[in-house]
Amino acid sequence: MAHTHTCLLTHLIFSTKYRLPLLDDRIRGRVFAYMNGIIQEIGGKTIIIDGRPDHAHVLASLPARLAISDAMRTVKANSSRWITEEGLLPDFAWQTGYGAFSIGRSERDTVIDYIKDQLAHHRTVTYQDEYLRLLHEYDVDYDPRFLWD
């Protein structure tokens, strides 16, 4: 086969440093739009980005040539630099880590609805509880000592 063809849907979730509620309604849409541009620039395709003041959810199709760790480093570093340079938040930073969960094509619409429903979802569930649920659901090993920064 002369070309590589992939459908690598990934649900990415990451928090502001210390899970501070910094991404208020005033700036959240601008930040997520900028992140979409970064994902496109690295050859990915954003399906949806949404979240709450302390975290972001991204469903994206990432290119096969790019490691998820490289994609996340690029998205987080460039968006945090832009947030600071635009004067939206001084010294803004994302948490060190992230969660990346593979999504089958048949789960795409369910994950889109889940990400769209963040406002209602987080009326009863904290970011930490949500993140732990995803780790358990996807059977991801983790050391609780290094879960939060």
C-alpha atoms as a PDB file:
ATOM      1  CA  MET A   1       0.000   0.000   0.000  1.00  0.00           C
ATOM      2  CA  ALA A   2       1.489   3.343  -1.034  1.00  0.00           C
ATOM      3  CA  HIS A   3      -0.148   5.503   1.651  1.00  0.00           C
ATOM      4  CA  THR A   4      -0.903   5.276   5.351  1.00  0.00           C
ATOM      5  CA  HIS A   5      -4.532   5.723   6.365  1.00  0.00           C
ATOM      6  CA  THR A   6      -5.624   6.030   9.966  1.00  0.00           C
ATOM      7  CA  CYS A   7      -8.599   6.907  12.123  1.00  0.00           C
ATOM      8  CA  LEU A   8      -7.012   7.603  15.497  1.00  0.00           C
ATOM      9  CA  LEU A   9      -9.683   9.283  17.602  1.00  0.00           C
ATOM     10  CA  THR A  10      -8.361  10.320  21.003  1.00  0.00           C
ATOM     11  CA  HIS A  11     -10.210  11.811  23.966  1.00  0.00           C
ATOM     12  CA  LEU A  12      -7.738  14.120  25.701  1.00  0.00           C
ATOM     13  CA  ILE A  13      -8.347  15.608  29.116  1.00  0.00           C
ATOM     14  CA  PHE A  14      -6.099  17.924  31.105  1.00  0.00           C
ATOM     15  CA  SER A  15      -6.380  20.515  33.811  1.00  0.00           C
ATOM     16  CA  THR A  16      -5.091  23.935  34.641  1.00  0.00           C
ATOM     17  CA  LYS A  17      -2.150  23.839  37.049  1.00  0.00           C
ATOM     18  CA  TYR A  18      -3.432  22.974  40.528  1.00  0.00           C
ATOM     19  CA  ARG A  19      -6.895  22.663  38.956  1.00  0.00           C
ATOM     20  CA  LEU A  20      -7.480  26.372  39.484  1.00  0.00           C
ATOM     21  CA  PRO A  21     -10.753  27.618  37.902  1.00  0.00           C
ATOM     22  CA  LEU A  22      -9.040  30.106  35.572  1.00  0.00           C
ATOM     23  CA  LEU A  23     -10.805  29.455  32.252  1.00  0.00           C
ATOM     24  CA  ASP A  24     -13.917  31.507  32.887  1.00  0.00           C
ATOM     25  CA  ASP A  25     -16.662  32.206  30.346  1.00  0.00           C
ATOM     26  CA  ARG A  26     -14.861  35.366  29.252  1.00  0.00           C
ATOM     27  CA  ILE A  27     -11.841  33.533  27.826  1.00  0.00           C
ATOM     28  CA  ARG A  28     -12.636  29.809  27.579  1.00  0.00           C
ATOM     29  CA  GLY A  29     -14.020  29.990  24.025  1.00  0.00           C
ATOM     30  CA  ARG A  30     -11.013  31.953  22.784  1.00  0.00           C
ATOM     31  CA  VAL A  31      -8.586  29.503  24.400  1.00  0.00           C
ATOM     32  CA  PHE A  32     -10.337  26.490  22.922  1.00  0.00           C
ATOM     33  CA  ALA A  33     -10.452  28.118  19.466  1.00  0.00           C
ATOM     34  CA  TYR A  34      -6.718  28.747  19.667  1.00  0.00           C
ATOM     35  CA  MET A  35      -6.107  25.134  20.714  1.00  0.00           C
ATOM     36  CA  ASN A  36      -8.137  24.017  17.687  1.00  0.00           C
ATOM     37  CA  GLY A  37      -5.789  26.030  15.471  1.00  0.00           C
ATOM     38  CA  ILE A  38      -2.746  24.368  17.032  1.00  0.00           C
ATOM     39  CA  ILE A  39      -4.219  20.903  16.457  1.00  0.00           C
ATOM     40  CA  GLN A  40      -4.866  21.755  12.807  1.00  0.00           C
ATOM     41  CA  GLU A  41      -1.336  23.144  12.455  1.00  0.00           C
ATOM     42  CA  ILE A  42       0.188  19.842  13.623  1.00  0.00           C
ATOM     43  CA  GLY A  43      -1.934  17.922  11.109  1.00  0.00           C
ATOM     44  CA  GLY A  44      -4.762  16.842  13.390  1.00  0.00           C
ATOM     45  CA  LYS A  45      -8.478  17.391  13.176  1.00  0.00           C
ATOM     46  CA  THR A  46     -10.456  18.644  16.153  1.00  0.00           C
ATOM     47  CA  ILE A  47     -13.857  17.041  16.530  1.00  0.00           C
ATOM     48  CA  ILE A  48     -14.844  19.020  19.657  1.00  0.00           C
ATOM     49  CA  ILE A  49     -13.202  21.005  22.458  1.00  0.00           C
ATOM     50  CA  ASP A  50     -15.042  21.991  25.609  1.00  0.00           C
ATOM     51  CA  GLY A  51     -14.543  21.956  29.320  1.00  0.00           C
ATOM     52  CA  ARG A  52     -14.947  23.879  32.511  1.00  0.00           C
ATOM     53  CA  PRO A  53     -12.920  26.614  34.213  1.00  0.00           C
ATOM     54  CA  ASP A  54     -10.406  24.080  35.570  1.00  0.00           C
ATOM     55  CA  HIS A  55      -9.997  21.638  32.681  1.00  0.00           C
ATOM     56  CA  ALA A  56     -10.375  20.884  28.988  1.00  0.00           C
ATOM     57  CA  HIS A  57     -11.688  17.942  26.989  1.00  0.00           C
ATOM     58  CA  VAL A  58     -10.569  17.481  23.397  1.00  0.00           C
ATOM     59  CA  LEU A  59     -11.758  14.849  20.954  1.00  0.00           C
ATOM     60  CA  ALA A  60      -9.395  14.871  18.013  1.00  0.00           C
ATOM     61  CA  SER A  61      -8.079  12.743  15.223  1.00  0.00           C
ATOM     62  CA  LEU A  62      -4.299  12.926  15.448  1.00  0.00           C
ATOM     63  CA  PRO A  63      -1.912  12.077  12.615  1.00  0.00           C
ATOM     64  CA  ALA A  64      -0.159   8.695  12.772  1.00  0.00           C
ATOM     65  CA  ARG A  65       3.252  10.345  12.378  1.00  0.00           C
ATOM     66  CA  LEU A  66       2.907  12.275  15.634  1.00  0.00           C
ATOM     67  CA  ALA A  67       3.193  10.784  19.122  1.00  0.00           C
ATOM     68  CA  ILE A  68       0.412  11.822  21.499  1.00  0.00           C
ATOM     69  CA  SER A  69       3.036  13.141  23.929  1.00  0.00           C
ATOM     70  CA  ASP A  70       4.434  15.430  21.213  1.00  0.00           C
ATOM     71  CA  ALA A  71       0.953  16.612  20.250  1.00  0.00           C
ATOM     72  CA  MET A  72       0.061  17.374  23.867  1.00  0.00           C
ATOM     73  CA  ARG A  73       3.358  19.159  24.532  1.00  0.00           C
ATOM     74  CA  THR A  74       2.742  21.350  21.493  1.00  0.00           C
ATOM     75  CA  VAL A  75      -0.900  22.110  22.314  1.00  0.00           C
ATOM     76  CA  LYS A  76      -0.289  22.838  25.991  1.00  0.00           C
ATOM     77  CA  ALA A  77       2.944  24.836  25.583  1.00  0.00           C
ATOM     78  CA  ASN A  78       1.686  26.989  22.725  1.00  0.00           C
ATOM     79  CA  SER A  79      -1.733  27.639  24.225  1.00  0.00           C
ATOM     80  CA  SER A  80      -0.338  28.544  27.655  1.00  0.00           C
ATOM     81  CA  ARG A  81       2.203  30.901  26.047  1.00  0.00           C
ATOM     82  CA  TRP A  82      -0.584  32.499  23.963  1.00  0.00           C
ATOM     83  CA  ILE A  83      -2.845  32.906  27.026  1.00  0.00           C
ATOM     84  CA  THR A  84      -0.049  34.734  28.843  1.00  0.00           C
ATOM     85  CA  GLU A  85       1.107  36.823  25.846  1.00  0.00           C
ATOM     86  CA  GLU A  86      -2.463  37.909  25.040  1.00  0.00           C
ATOM     87  CA  GLY A  87      -2.777  39.151  28.610  1.00  0.00           C
ATOM     88  CA  LEU A  88      -5.700  36.822  29.311  1.00  0.00           C
ATOM     89  CA  LEU A  89      -4.050  35.341  32.416  1.00  0.00           C
ATOM     90  CA  PRO A  90      -0.572  36.196  33.703  1.00  0.00           C
ATOM     91  CA  ASP A  91       1.715  33.179  34.186  1.00  0.00           C
ATOM     92  CA  PHE A  92      -0.927  30.674  33.068  1.00  0.00           C
ATOM     93  CA  ALA A  93       0.066  26.998  33.027  1.00  0.00           C
ATOM     94  CA  TRP A  94      -1.563  23.651  32.385  1.00  0.00           C
ATOM     95  CA  GLN A  95      -0.976  20.694  34.695  1.00  0.00           C
ATOM     96  CA  THR A  96       2.104  18.636  33.891  1.00  0.00           C
ATOM     97  CA  GLY A  97       0.275  15.520  32.729  1.00  0.00           C
ATOM     98  CA  TYR A  98      -2.819  14.616  30.744  1.00  0.00           C
ATOM     99  CA  GLY A  99      -5.111  11.732  29.997  1.00  0.00           C
ATOM    100  CA  ALA A 100      -5.383  10.284  26.499  1.00  0.00           C
ATOM    101  CA  PHE A 101      -8.014   7.668  25.791  1.00  0.00           C
ATOM    102  CA  SER A 102      -8.513   5.912  22.466  1.00  0.00           C
ATOM    103  CA  ILE A 103     -12.040   6.090  21.104  1.00  0.00           C
ATOM    104  CA  GLY A 104     -13.534   3.673  18.630  1.00  0.00           C
ATOM    105  CA  ARG A 105     -15.469   5.122  15.692  1.00  0.00           C
ATOM    106  CA  SER A 106     -18.686   3.689  17.142  1.00  0.00           C
ATOM    107  CA  GLU A 107     -18.130   5.681  20.380  1.00  0.00           C
ATOM    108  CA  ARG A 108     -17.562   9.027  18.642  1.00  0.00           C
ATOM    109  CA  ASP A 109     -21.073  10.456  19.070  1.00  0.00           C
ATOM    110  CA  THR A 110     -21.289   9.327  22.700  1.00  0.00           C
ATOM    111  CA  VAL A 111     -18.004  11.080  23.532  1.00  0.00           C
ATOM    112  CA  ILE A 112     -19.085  14.223  21.647  1.00  0.00           C
ATOM    113  CA  ASP A 113     -22.298  14.335  23.708  1.00  0.00           C
ATOM    114  CA  TYR A 114     -20.309  13.740  26.892  1.00  0.00           C
ATOM    115  CA  ILE A 115     -17.966  16.633  26.119  1.00  0.00           C
ATOM    116  CA  LYS A 116     -20.873  18.916  25.142  1.00  0.00           C
ATOM    117  CA  ASP A 117     -22.594  18.135  28.446  1.00  0.00           C
ATOM    118  CA  GLN A 118     -19.729  19.272  30.692  1.00  0.00           C
ATOM    119  CA  LEU A 119     -21.690  22.058  32.385  1.00  0.00           C
ATOM    120  CA  ALA A 120     -24.442  19.713  33.580  1.00  0.00           C
ATOM    121  CA  HIS A 121     -22.007  16.884  34.298  1.00  0.00           C
ATOM    122  CA  HIS A 122     -19.860  18.963  36.633  1.00  0.00           C
ATOM    123  CA  ARG A 123     -22.772  20.097  38.740  1.00  0.00           C
ATOM    124  CA  THR A 124     -22.443  16.749  40.523  1.00  0.00           C
ATOM    125  CA  VAL A 125     -18.980  15.396  39.637  1.00  0.00           C
ATOM    126  CA  THR A 126     -15.603  17.013  40.298  1.00  0.00           C
ATOM    127  CA  TYR A 127     -12.785  17.016  37.760  1.00  0.00           C
ATOM    128  CA  GLN A 128     -10.788  14.684  40.003  1.00  0.00           C
ATOM    129  CA  ASP A 129     -13.653  12.176  40.266  1.00  0.00           C
ATOM    130  CA  GLU A 130     -14.260  12.376  36.521  1.00  0.00           C
ATOM    131  CA  TYR A 131     -10.586  11.772  35.763  1.00  0.00           C
ATOM    132  CA  LEU A 132     -10.349   8.833  38.168  1.00  0.00           C
ATOM    133  CA  ARG A 133     -13.470   7.300  36.601  1.00  0.00           C
ATOM    134  CA  LEU A 134     -11.868   7.497  33.148  1.00  0.00           C
ATOM    135  CA  LEU A 135      -8.649   5.916  34.425  1.00  0.00           C
ATOM    136  CA  HIS A 136     -10.640   3.028  35.892  1.00  0.00           C
ATOM    137  CA  GLU A 137     -12.949   2.708  32.876  1.00  0.00           C
ATOM    138  CA  TYR A 138      -9.946   2.407  30.536  1.00  0.00           C
ATOM    139  CA  ASP A 139      -8.013   0.207  32.989  1.00  0.00           C
ATOM    140  CA  VAL A 140      -5.070   2.634  33.159  1.00  0.00           C
ATOM    141  CA  ASP A 141      -2.450   1.917  35.818  1.00  0.00           C
ATOM    142  CA  TYR A 142      -1.425   4.957  37.862  1.00  0.00           C
ATOM    143  CA  ASP A 143       0.384   5.841  41.061  1.00  0.00           C
ATOM    144  CA  PRO A 144      -1.881   8.009  43.253  1.00  0.00           C
ATOM    145  CA  ARG A 145       1.202   9.809  44.619  1.00  0.00           C
ATOM    146  CA  PHE A 146       1.784  11.372  41.203  1.00  0.00           C
ATOM    147  CA  LEU A 147      -1.784  11.898  40.046  1.00  0.00           C
ATOM    148  CA  TRP A 148      -2.203  15.585  40.854  1.00  0.00           C
ATOM    149  CA  ASP A 149       0.124  18.560  40.636  1.00  0.00           C
END
